[in-house]
Amino acid sequence: MNKAELIDKISKDCDITKAQANSVIDSFTDTVITTLKKGDRVTLVGFGTFSVSDRAARNGRNPQTGAVIKIKARKVPKFKAGKEFSTRIASKK
């Protein structure tokens, strides 16, 4: 499912316009990004938790030449699925 399909689904399920559904999705993603940039977490009980993890600097290898390259430390986004989310995905119904 892509963003346009998600907008269609939300607009039908919530009986709102596609423009309103698009605004809701944009607001949600902007809020999650802003919160993660501050170093905080976003937890949706039953769905999951968005957080930021620090990835340490490390050495890697160029696959073509085999030469050692240095990879800088950075922050990466993470998502950990909640129990209910995981259970519903794993069930066969």
PDB file of N, CA and C in Angstrom:
ATOM      1  N   MET A   1       0.846  -1.175   0.000  1.00  0.00           N
ATOM      2  CA  MET A   1       0.000   0.000   0.000  1.00  0.00           C
ATOM      3  C   MET A   1       0.891   1.238   0.000  1.00  0.00           C
ATOM      4  N   ASN A   2       0.596   2.169  -0.879  1.00  0.00           N
ATOM      5  CA  ASN A   2       1.346   3.419  -0.909  1.00  0.00           C
ATOM      6  C   ASN A   2       0.520   4.526  -0.242  1.00  0.00           C
ATOM      7  N   LYS A   3       1.066   5.732  -0.206  1.00  0.00           N
ATOM      8  CA  LYS A   3       0.405   6.833   0.498  1.00  0.00           C
ATOM      9  C   LYS A   3      -0.962   7.146  -0.108  1.00  0.00           C
ATOM     10  N   ALA A   4      -1.063   7.155  -1.424  1.00  0.00           N
ATOM     11  CA  ALA A   4      -2.340   7.470  -2.074  1.00  0.00           C
ATOM     12  C   ALA A   4      -3.408   6.440  -1.708  1.00  0.00           C
ATOM     13  N   GLU A   5      -3.029   5.180  -1.670  1.00  0.00           N
ATOM     14  CA  GLU A   5      -3.977   4.127  -1.296  1.00  0.00           C
ATOM     15  C   GLU A   5      -4.378   4.255   0.177  1.00  0.00           C
ATOM     16  N   LEU A   6      -3.432   4.628   1.021  1.00  0.00           N
ATOM     17  CA  LEU A   6      -3.730   4.836   2.439  1.00  0.00           C
ATOM     18  C   LEU A   6      -4.684   6.014   2.615  1.00  0.00           C
ATOM     19  N   ILE A   7      -4.464   7.075   1.875  1.00  0.00           N
ATOM     20  CA  ILE A   7      -5.359   8.239   1.925  1.00  0.00           C
ATOM     21  C   ILE A   7      -6.774   7.838   1.519  1.00  0.00           C
ATOM     22  N   ASP A   8      -6.902   7.062   0.442  1.00  0.00           N
ATOM     23  CA  ASP A   8      -8.218   6.589   0.003  1.00  0.00           C
ATOM     24  C   ASP A   8      -8.908   5.782   1.097  1.00  0.00           C
ATOM     25  N   LYS A   9      -8.181   4.864   1.700  1.00  0.00           N
ATOM     26  CA  LYS A   9      -8.742   3.991   2.741  1.00  0.00           C
ATOM     27  C   LYS A   9      -9.195   4.801   3.951  1.00  0.00           C
ATOM     28  N   ILE A  10      -8.355   5.713   4.415  1.00  0.00           N
ATOM     29  CA  ILE A  10      -8.704   6.528   5.582  1.00  0.00           C
ATOM     30  C   ILE A  10      -9.894   7.431   5.273  1.00  0.00           C
ATOM     31  N   SER A  11      -9.920   8.023   4.087  1.00  0.00           N
ATOM     32  CA  SER A  11     -11.029   8.924   3.746  1.00  0.00           C
ATOM     33  C   SER A  11     -12.358   8.163   3.699  1.00  0.00           C
ATOM     34  N   LYS A  12     -12.332   6.937   3.206  1.00  0.00           N
ATOM     35  CA  LYS A  12     -13.558   6.131   3.166  1.00  0.00           C
ATOM     36  C   LYS A  12     -13.960   5.666   4.560  1.00  0.00           C
ATOM     37  N   ASP A  13     -12.994   5.160   5.339  1.00  0.00           N
ATOM     38  CA  ASP A  13     -13.295   4.633   6.678  1.00  0.00           C
ATOM     39  C   ASP A  13     -13.794   5.720   7.625  1.00  0.00           C
ATOM     40  N   CYS A  14     -13.249   6.920   7.521  1.00  0.00           N
ATOM     41  CA  CYS A  14     -13.581   7.999   8.456  1.00  0.00           C
ATOM     42  C   CYS A  14     -14.596   8.982   7.883  1.00  0.00           C
ATOM     43  N   ASP A  15     -15.023   8.748   6.654  1.00  0.00           N
ATOM     44  CA  ASP A  15     -15.981   9.627   5.983  1.00  0.00           C
ATOM     45  C   ASP A  15     -15.503  11.080   5.988  1.00  0.00           C
ATOM     46  N   ILE A  16     -14.245  11.256   5.538  1.00  0.00           N
ATOM     47  CA  ILE A  16     -13.656  12.585   5.392  1.00  0.00           C
ATOM     48  C   ILE A  16     -13.115  12.698   3.968  1.00  0.00           C
ATOM     49  N   THR A  17     -12.771  13.909   3.573  1.00  0.00           N
ATOM     50  CA  THR A  17     -12.249  14.103   2.222  1.00  0.00           C
ATOM     51  C   THR A  17     -10.822  13.564   2.135  1.00  0.00           C
ATOM     52  N   LYS A  18     -10.379  13.350   0.924  1.00  0.00           N
ATOM     53  CA  LYS A  18      -9.007  12.904   0.717  1.00  0.00           C
ATOM     54  C   LYS A  18      -8.006  13.961   1.174  1.00  0.00           C
ATOM     55  N   ALA A  19      -8.347  15.223   0.999  1.00  0.00           N
ATOM     56  CA  ALA A  19      -7.467  16.309   1.446  1.00  0.00           C
ATOM     57  C   ALA A  19      -7.319  16.287   2.961  1.00  0.00           C
ATOM     58  N   GLN A  20      -8.415  16.033   3.668  1.00  0.00           N
ATOM     59  CA  GLN A  20      -8.357  15.944   5.119  1.00  0.00           C
ATOM     60  C   GLN A  20      -7.533  14.726   5.559  1.00  0.00           C
ATOM     61  N   ALA A  21      -7.728  13.599   4.898  1.00  0.00           N
ATOM     62  CA  ALA A  21      -6.962  12.389   5.220  1.00  0.00           C
ATOM     63  C   ALA A  21      -5.480  12.618   4.965  1.00  0.00           C
ATOM     64  N   ASN A  22      -5.147  13.308   3.885  1.00  0.00           N
ATOM     65  CA  ASN A  22      -3.753  13.627   3.578  1.00  0.00           C
ATOM     66  C   ASN A  22      -3.158  14.512   4.670  1.00  0.00           C
ATOM     67  N   SER A  23      -3.931  15.489   5.142  1.00  0.00           N
ATOM     68  CA  SER A  23      -3.468  16.368   6.215  1.00  0.00           C
ATOM     69  C   SER A  23      -3.209  15.589   7.496  1.00  0.00           C
ATOM     70  N   VAL A  24      -4.068  14.637   7.794  1.00  0.00           N
ATOM     71  CA  VAL A  24      -3.896  13.805   8.993  1.00  0.00           C
ATOM     72  C   VAL A  24      -2.602  13.002   8.899  1.00  0.00           C
ATOM     73  N   ILE A  25      -2.372  12.367   7.756  1.00  0.00           N
ATOM     74  CA  ILE A  25      -1.157  11.562   7.578  1.00  0.00           C
ATOM     75  C   ILE A  25       0.083  12.441   7.651  1.00  0.00           C
ATOM     76  N   ASP A  26       0.053  13.599   6.977  1.00  0.00           N
ATOM     77  CA  ASP A  26       1.201  14.510   7.004  1.00  0.00           C
ATOM     78  C   ASP A  26       1.472  15.014   8.415  1.00  0.00           C
ATOM     79  N   SER A  27       0.415  15.329   9.156  1.00  0.00           N
ATOM     80  CA  SER A  27       0.576  15.794  10.527  1.00  0.00           C
ATOM     81  C   SER A  27       1.182  14.696  11.400  1.00  0.00           C
ATOM     82  N   PHE A  28       0.706  13.469  11.235  1.00  0.00           N
ATOM     83  CA  PHE A  28       1.231  12.346  12.011  1.00  0.00           C
ATOM     84  C   PHE A  28       2.719  12.148  11.738  1.00  0.00           C
ATOM     85  N   THR A  29       3.094  12.085  10.465  1.00  0.00           N
ATOM     86  CA  THR A  29       4.505  11.847  10.139  1.00  0.00           C
ATOM     87  C   THR A  29       5.385  13.008  10.585  1.00  0.00           C
ATOM     88  N   ASP A  30       4.917  14.241  10.410  1.00  0.00           N
ATOM     89  CA  ASP A  30       5.688  15.402  10.861  1.00  0.00           C
ATOM     90  C   ASP A  30       5.884  15.383  12.375  1.00  0.00           C
ATOM     91  N   THR A  31       4.832  15.027  13.107  1.00  0.00           N
ATOM     92  CA  THR A  31       4.913  14.978  14.565  1.00  0.00           C
ATOM     93  C   THR A  31       5.881  13.896  15.024  1.00  0.00           C
ATOM     94  N   VAL A  32       5.829  12.727  14.394  1.00  0.00           N
ATOM     95  CA  VAL A  32       6.753  11.648  14.760  1.00  0.00           C
ATOM     96  C   VAL A  32       8.187  12.076  14.486  1.00  0.00           C
ATOM     97  N   ILE A  33       8.447  12.655  13.333  1.00  0.00           N
ATOM     98  CA  ILE A  33       9.803  13.092  12.979  1.00  0.00           C
ATOM     99  C   ILE A  33      10.306  14.154  13.942  1.00  0.00           C
ATOM    100  N   THR A  34       9.475  15.147  14.234  1.00  0.00           N
ATOM    101  CA  THR A  34       9.863  16.223  15.155  1.00  0.00           C
ATOM    102  C   THR A  34      10.169  15.664  16.545  1.00  0.00           C
ATOM    103  N   THR A  35       9.339  14.767  17.010  1.00  0.00           N
ATOM    104  CA  THR A  35       9.540  14.171  18.331  1.00  0.00           C
ATOM    105  C   THR A  35      10.825  13.360  18.377  1.00  0.00           C
ATOM    106  N   LEU A  36      11.088  12.578  17.347  1.00  0.00           N
ATOM    107  CA  LEU A  36      12.308  11.768  17.300  1.00  0.00           C
ATOM    108  C   LEU A  36      13.551  12.644  17.209  1.00  0.00           C
ATOM    109  N   LYS A  37      13.470  13.746  16.472  1.00  0.00           N
ATOM    110  CA  LYS A  37      14.610  14.672  16.372  1.00  0.00           C
ATOM    111  C   LYS A  37      14.980  15.233  17.733  1.00  0.00           C
ATOM    112  N   LYS A  38      13.980  15.421  18.604  1.00  0.00           N
ATOM    113  CA  LYS A  38      14.229  15.924  19.954  1.00  0.00           C
ATOM    114  C   LYS A  38      14.826  14.844  20.854  1.00  0.00           C
ATOM    115  N   GLY A  39      14.823  13.605  20.387  1.00  0.00           N
ATOM    116  CA  GLY A  39      15.359  12.504  21.188  1.00  0.00           C
ATOM    117  C   GLY A  39      14.302  11.780  22.004  1.00  0.00           C
ATOM    118  N   ASP A  40      13.042  12.132  21.810  1.00  0.00           N
ATOM    119  CA  ASP A  40      11.956  11.487  22.534  1.00  0.00           C
ATOM    120  C   ASP A  40      11.423  10.294  21.746  1.00  0.00           C
ATOM    121  N   ARG A  41      10.498   9.569  22.352  1.00  0.00           N
ATOM    122  CA  ARG A  41       9.878   8.412  21.713  1.00  0.00           C
ATOM    123  C   ARG A  41       8.405   8.711  21.450  1.00  0.00           C
ATOM    124  N   VAL A  42       7.829   7.973  20.505  1.00  0.00           N
ATOM    125  CA  VAL A  42       6.400   8.042  20.248  1.00  0.00           C
ATOM    126  C   VAL A  42       5.861   6.629  20.454  1.00  0.00           C
ATOM    127  N   THR A  43       4.971   6.468  21.438  1.00  0.00           N
ATOM    128  CA  THR A  43       4.419   5.153  21.748  1.00  0.00           C
ATOM    129  C   THR A  43       2.926   5.153  21.482  1.00  0.00           C
ATOM    130  N   LEU A  44       2.482   4.227  20.663  1.00  0.00           N
ATOM    131  CA  LEU A  44       1.066   4.023  20.396  1.00  0.00           C
ATOM    132  C   LEU A  44       0.727   2.650  20.960  1.00  0.00           C
ATOM    133  N   VAL A  45       0.073   2.632  22.111  1.00  0.00           N
ATOM    134  CA  VAL A  45      -0.201   1.381  22.815  1.00  0.00           C
ATOM    135  C   VAL A  45      -0.946   0.422  21.895  1.00  0.00           C
ATOM    136  N   GLY A  46      -0.451  -0.790  21.805  1.00  0.00           N
ATOM    137  CA  GLY A  46      -1.045  -1.808  20.955  1.00  0.00           C
ATOM    138  C   GLY A  46      -0.479  -1.810  19.540  1.00  0.00           C
ATOM    139  N   PHE A  47       0.089  -0.693  19.109  1.00  0.00           N
ATOM    140  CA  PHE A  47       0.654  -0.607  17.760  1.00  0.00           C
ATOM    141  C   PHE A  47       2.165  -0.743  17.793  1.00  0.00           C
ATOM    142  N   GLY A  48       2.837   0.159  18.524  1.00  0.00           N
ATOM    143  CA  GLY A  48       4.286   0.075  18.607  1.00  0.00           C
ATOM    144  C   GLY A  48       4.922   1.368  19.061  1.00  0.00           C
ATOM    145  N   THR A  49       6.258   1.363  19.066  1.00  0.00           N
ATOM    146  CA  THR A  49       7.024   2.512  19.535  1.00  0.00           C
ATOM    147  C   THR A  49       8.046   2.929  18.502  1.00  0.00           C
ATOM    148  N   PHE A  50       8.048   4.214  18.189  1.00  0.00           N
ATOM    149  CA  PHE A  50       9.061   4.810  17.334  1.00  0.00           C
ATOM    150  C   PHE A  50      10.113   5.416  18.253  1.00  0.00           C
ATOM    151  N   SER A  51      11.394   5.167  17.961  1.00  0.00           N
ATOM    152  CA  SER A  51      12.463   5.729  18.781  1.00  0.00           C
ATOM    153  C   SER A  51      13.685   5.978  17.912  1.00  0.00           C
ATOM    154  N   VAL A  52      14.719   6.557  18.528  1.00  0.00           N
ATOM    155  CA  VAL A  52      15.972   6.829  17.827  1.00  0.00           C
ATOM    156  C   VAL A  52      17.074   6.043  18.524  1.00  0.00           C
ATOM    157  N   SER A  53      17.934   5.454  17.743  1.00  0.00           N
ATOM    158  CA  SER A  53      19.053   4.689  18.273  1.00  0.00           C
ATOM    159  C   SER A  53      20.354   5.294  17.751  1.00  0.00           C
ATOM    160  N   ASP A  54      21.377   5.283  18.601  1.00  0.00           N
ATOM    161  CA  ASP A  54      22.694   5.755  18.176  1.00  0.00           C
ATOM    162  C   ASP A  54      23.468   4.596  17.576  1.00  0.00           C
ATOM    163  N   ARG A  55      23.958   4.793  16.378  1.00  0.00           N
ATOM    164  CA  ARG A  55      24.777   3.772  15.726  1.00  0.00           C
ATOM    165  C   ARG A  55      26.226   4.254  15.805  1.00  0.00           C
ATOM    166  N   ALA A  56      27.092   3.445  16.388  1.00  0.00           N
ATOM    167  CA  ALA A  56      28.490   3.821  16.601  1.00  0.00           C
ATOM    168  C   ALA A  56      29.250   3.878  15.280  1.00  0.00           C
ATOM    169  N   ALA A  57      30.328   4.651  15.280  1.00  0.00           N
ATOM    170  CA  ALA A  57      31.224   4.684  14.116  1.00  0.00           C
ATOM    171  C   ALA A  57      31.862   3.304  13.988  1.00  0.00           C
ATOM    172  N   ARG A  58      32.113   2.908  12.774  1.00  0.00           N
ATOM    173  CA  ARG A  58      32.692   1.577  12.560  1.00  0.00           C
ATOM    174  C   ARG A  58      33.439   1.543  11.242  1.00  0.00           C
ATOM    175  N   ASN A  59      34.190   0.484  11.055  1.00  0.00           N
ATOM    176  CA  ASN A  59      34.885   0.270   9.790  1.00  0.00           C
ATOM    177  C   ASN A  59      34.062  -0.666   8.926  1.00  0.00           C
ATOM    178  N   GLY A  60      34.046  -0.386   7.654  1.00  0.00           N
ATOM    179  CA  GLY A  60      33.364  -1.232   6.694  1.00  0.00           C
ATOM    180  C   GLY A  60      34.312  -1.558   5.554  1.00  0.00           C
ATOM    181  N   ARG A  61      33.803  -2.272   4.593  1.00  0.00           N
ATOM    182  CA  ARG A  61      34.617  -2.619   3.433  1.00  0.00           C
ATOM    183  C   ARG A  61      33.878  -2.260   2.161  1.00  0.00           C
ATOM    184  N   ASN A  62      34.630  -1.703   1.205  1.00  0.00           N
ATOM    185  CA  ASN A  62      34.087  -1.443  -0.115  1.00  0.00           C
ATOM    186  C   ASN A  62      33.970  -2.808  -0.795  1.00  0.00           C
ATOM    187  N   PRO A  63      32.780  -3.232  -1.179  1.00  0.00           N
ATOM    188  CA  PRO A  63      32.612  -4.567  -1.751  1.00  0.00           C
ATOM    189  C   PRO A  63      33.337  -4.773  -3.089  1.00  0.00           C
ATOM    190  N   GLN A  64      33.580  -3.696  -3.817  1.00  0.00           N
ATOM    191  CA  GLN A  64      34.250  -3.849  -5.111  1.00  0.00           C
ATOM    192  C   GLN A  64      35.758  -3.982  -4.967  1.00  0.00           C
ATOM    193  N   THR A  65      36.326  -3.185  -4.049  1.00  0.00           N
ATOM    194  CA  THR A  65      37.791  -3.177  -3.932  1.00  0.00           C
ATOM    195  C   THR A  65      38.301  -3.889  -2.692  1.00  0.00           C
ATOM    196  N   GLY A  66      37.425  -4.064  -1.690  1.00  0.00           N
ATOM    197  CA  GLY A  66      37.860  -4.673  -0.436  1.00  0.00           C
ATOM    198  C   GLY A  66      38.559  -3.689   0.483  1.00  0.00           C
ATOM    199  N   ALA A  67      38.675  -2.433   0.064  1.00  0.00           N
ATOM    200  CA  ALA A  67      39.353  -1.421   0.870  1.00  0.00           C
ATOM    201  C   ALA A  67      38.525  -1.084   2.114  1.00  0.00           C
ATOM    202  N   VAL A  68      39.207  -0.818   3.218  1.00  0.00           N
ATOM    203  CA  VAL A  68      38.544  -0.452   4.465  1.00  0.00           C
ATOM    204  C   VAL A  68      38.078   0.996   4.362  1.00  0.00           C
ATOM    205  N   ILE A  69      36.825   1.226   4.766  1.00  0.00           N
ATOM    206  CA  ILE A  69      36.291   2.584   4.792  1.00  0.00           C
ATOM    207  C   ILE A  69      35.752   2.864   6.193  1.00  0.00           C
ATOM    208  N   LYS A  70      35.785   4.133   6.588  1.00  0.00           N
ATOM    209  CA  LYS A  70      35.255   4.520   7.897  1.00  0.00           C
ATOM    210  C   LYS A  70      33.814   4.984   7.720  1.00  0.00           C
ATOM    211  N   ILE A  71      32.936   4.427   8.543  1.00  0.00           N
ATOM    212  CA  ILE A  71      31.532   4.801   8.521  1.00  0.00           C
ATOM    213  C   ILE A  71      31.273   5.635   9.772  1.00  0.00           C
ATOM    214  N   LYS A  72      30.755   6.850   9.586  1.00  0.00           N
ATOM    215  CA  LYS A  72      30.536   7.778  10.689  1.00  0.00           C
ATOM    216  C   LYS A  72      29.411   7.299  11.611  1.00  0.00           C
ATOM    217  N   ALA A  73      29.486   7.731  12.863  1.00  0.00           N
ATOM    218  CA  ALA A  73      28.408   7.480  13.807  1.00  0.00           C
ATOM    219  C   ALA A  73      27.187   8.296  13.371  1.00  0.00           C
ATOM    220  N   ARG A  74      26.009   7.779  13.665  1.00  0.00           N
ATOM    221  CA  ARG A  74      24.803   8.519  13.320  1.00  0.00           C
ATOM    222  C   ARG A  74      23.615   8.003  14.116  1.00  0.00           C
ATOM    223  N   LYS A  75      22.546   8.753  14.050  1.00  0.00           N
ATOM    224  CA  LYS A  75      21.306   8.362  14.704  1.00  0.00           C
ATOM    225  C   LYS A  75      20.402   7.737  13.650  1.00  0.00           C
ATOM    226  N   VAL A  76      19.736   6.646  14.031  1.00  0.00           N
ATOM    227  CA  VAL A  76      18.842   5.964  13.101  1.00  0.00           C
ATOM    228  C   VAL A  76      17.476   5.752  13.752  1.00  0.00           C
ATOM    229  N   PRO A  77      16.407   5.888  12.966  1.00  0.00           N
ATOM    230  CA  PRO A  77      15.077   5.653  13.518  1.00  0.00           C
ATOM    231  C   PRO A  77      14.825   4.154  13.680  1.00  0.00           C
ATOM    232  N   LYS A  78      14.036   3.814  14.713  1.00  0.00           N
ATOM    233  CA  LYS A  78      13.673   2.418  14.960  1.00  0.00           C
ATOM    234  C   LYS A  78      12.172   2.339  15.202  1.00  0.00           C
ATOM    235  N   PHE A  79      11.608   1.187  14.893  1.00  0.00           N
ATOM    236  CA  PHE A  79      10.214   0.907  15.225  1.00  0.00           C
ATOM    237  C   PHE A  79      10.152  -0.465  15.847  1.00  0.00           C
ATOM    238  N   LYS A  80       9.533  -0.553  17.013  1.00  0.00           N
ATOM    239  CA  LYS A  80       9.339  -1.838  17.668  1.00  0.00           C
ATOM    240  C   LYS A  80       7.839  -2.069  17.745  1.00  0.00           C
ATOM    241  N   ALA A  81       7.390  -3.120  17.085  1.00  0.00           N
ATOM    242  CA  ALA A  81       5.966  -3.426  17.046  1.00  0.00           C
ATOM    243  C   ALA A  81       5.465  -3.801  18.435  1.00  0.00           C
ATOM    244  N   GLY A  82       4.244  -3.374  18.751  1.00  0.00           N
ATOM    245  CA  GLY A  82       3.607  -3.719  20.015  1.00  0.00           C
ATOM    246  C   GLY A  82       3.096  -5.147  19.983  1.00  0.00           C
ATOM    247  N   LYS A  83       2.752  -5.648  21.156  1.00  0.00           N
ATOM    248  CA  LYS A  83       2.311  -7.034  21.284  1.00  0.00           C
ATOM    249  C   LYS A  83       1.041  -7.307  20.473  1.00  0.00           C
ATOM    250  N   GLU A  84       0.058  -6.426  20.592  1.00  0.00           N
ATOM    251  CA  GLU A  84      -1.199  -6.629  19.861  1.00  0.00           C
ATOM    252  C   GLU A  84      -0.967  -6.602  18.350  1.00  0.00           C
ATOM    253  N   PHE A  85      -0.156  -5.663  17.891  1.00  0.00           N
ATOM    254  CA  PHE A  85       0.189  -5.554  16.472  1.00  0.00           C
ATOM    255  C   PHE A  85       0.840  -6.852  15.974  1.00  0.00           C
ATOM    256  N   SER A  86       1.832  -7.322  16.721  1.00  0.00           N
ATOM    257  CA  SER A  86       2.538  -8.542  16.336  1.00  0.00           C
ATOM    258  C   SER A  86       1.617  -9.752  16.334  1.00  0.00           C
ATOM    259  N   THR A  87       0.748  -9.832  17.327  1.00  0.00           N
ATOM    260  CA  THR A  87      -0.182 -10.959  17.435  1.00  0.00           C
ATOM    261  C   THR A  87      -1.152 -10.968  16.260  1.00  0.00           C
ATOM    262  N   ARG A  88      -1.674  -9.786  15.911  1.00  0.00           N
ATOM    263  CA  ARG A  88      -2.644  -9.714  14.813  1.00  0.00           C
ATOM    264  C   ARG A  88      -1.996 -10.031  13.467  1.00  0.00           C
ATOM    265  N   ILE A  89      -0.737  -9.668  13.285  1.00  0.00           N
ATOM    266  CA  ILE A  89      -0.045  -9.985  12.037  1.00  0.00           C
ATOM    267  C   ILE A  89       0.225 -11.481  11.947  1.00  0.00           C
ATOM    268  N   ALA A  90       0.576 -12.087  13.073  1.00  0.00           N
ATOM    269  CA  ALA A  90       0.933 -13.507  13.101  1.00  0.00           C
ATOM    270  C   ALA A  90      -0.278 -14.428  13.004  1.00  0.00           C
ATOM    271  N   SER A  91      -1.480 -13.939  13.391  1.00  0.00           N
ATOM    272  CA  SER A  91      -2.649 -14.809  13.355  1.00  0.00           C
ATOM    273  C   SER A  91      -3.076 -15.046  11.905  1.00  0.00           C
ATOM    274  N   LYS A  92      -3.731 -16.170  11.682  1.00  0.00           N
ATOM    275  CA  LYS A  92      -4.118 -16.551  10.320  1.00  0.00           C
ATOM    276  C   LYS A  92      -5.452 -15.988   9.905  1.00  0.00           C
ATOM    277  N   LYS A  93      -6.125 -15.290  10.796  1.00  0.00           N
ATOM    278  CA  LYS A  93      -7.458 -14.760  10.473  1.00  0.00           C
ATOM    279  C   LYS A  93      -7.354 -13.423   9.797  1.00  0.00           C
TER     280      LYS A  93
END
